[in-house]
Amino acid sequence: MWTTEEDTVRIRGMKAYPLKFKPIYKQRIWGGQRLQEVFGKDIPAGEKIGESWEIADLPEDLSARRMADKSVIANGELAGQTIGSAIEKYPKEIMGDKDFSGPFPLLIKFLDAEDILSVQVHPDAQTCRRLGKGEPKTECWYIVSATDRAVIYKGLKKGVTKEKFAEAIKKGNAAEMLVKVTVKEGECHFLPAGTAHSIGAGLLIAEIQTPSDTTYRVFDWNRVDASGKTRKLHIEEALESIHFGQRGDELMVTRFGRLADCENFKVDKGYQGKGSEVLIRSGVMKVLIIVSGLGTIPGAEGELVEFKAGDTILIPAAYEGTMRFEEATEYLTVTT
C-alpha cells in the first residue's frame, strides 16, 4: 500500500493542538446550578450538579461500583477519543515523554458548593498501602467566587488528637475540631493528603488534584438524600488517614504568582489585559483553567481554538503558539 508524505507525518506523530474536553457532570447532595449561571455550562436543569470534571482519566473501581471516568476530547482530529487513548498513541507529543504510560497525572474539576460538604479526608500513599485500598489524593482549591460569609474547614485545631477526634465523631461535632477559615475570591488553599477538611456553602471552586476519587467521610451534617437515606461514612479509614500532627493554621494560602508547588503539580496564576498576547512555548505539557475572560489559541491547521471562562484546555508538550486575549482574562496554568 502506498503512503503519501502527509500519511507518513500522521504515522510518526500528531500535529499538536490545544485539546478541549467534554465535561463530566456529577450530581451531589450539596450541589446547585451555578456552573450554568456563572460559566454557561450545559448542565441538566433543576439537578444538584456539584462537580464538573474537566479532565479526568480514572480507572473503573469495581469495589466502589464506579465506572471509569475518562474525559473525551471535544475538538480537532482526536475528537471522540479518550484522553488516555490519545496519550497512548502520542505520549511524547502530548506529555513530552515517549515512555509515558499513563494515567494522566491530574484530575481537574469545578465545584459548586450550594450547601456544605461532608467533613472528610483523602489518604496519602503510605495509608493506601497500609489499608490495602484507595488512591492517594493531594489537592488545592482556587476560589473562583464566594459569598460574603463563605468559609472552608481545613486541618485540625491545636491539640486535637486521634482520640479527641474519634470522640467528636461519636458526639456529632467533628467539624468543631477543624480550623474554620473565611475565604475570598482569588485565594488558593493547598490541602495535602491526610488533611481533614470541608467546603462551606456559597463557594465556586477550581480544584486541581492528583487523579484519585478516594474520599473518607466522618460527618455529613445529619442530612439525608431524596430517598431519605444518609450517606455512608468511613470512620475507621478516616482515622487511619488523618495526619493528626498537622495544624490547619499552618497550611498555605496564596493569591498571586506561584499558587501551589508540590511533587504532584504546580499551579501559576496569570492575568492578561484585553488585546494582549502570550507565546505558549513547547517542551512541557500544560493545563489552562480559564477563570474569567475569553480569547483564542491557534489550532493545528491554522484554525482558532476559542476559550472562555469555565473552559479547561490541555496544551500538549509539542505545541507552540500565541494565546490572544479578546477580554481581560484570569487563568491558571497547571504543570506536573
Foldseek 3Di string as FASTA:
>chain_A
DDDDPVRVVVQVADLFWKWFWDWDWDADQQADCVCCVPVVDPDDPPTRTFKTWGAAAADADVVVPRHTDFIATCDDPRGRPTPQVNCVSHVCFFAVDPPDNDDDFKTKMKGAGQAKFFFKFFFAPVLCVVVVDFDGKWKKKAFLAFDPFWKKWKAFAPPDDLVNLVVCLVVQNNSVRTDIGGDGHQKMWTHGGQMTIMGGHGTIIIMMMTRGDDMAGRHGPPDADPVRHDDDHRVVSSSSGHDNVDGGVPTDMDRAAFRDDDPRKTKGKDKDAAFDKDKDAAQHKKKKAWSAFKWWWATSVRDTDIDGHGTIIIRGNNDITMTHTRHITMMMIMGD
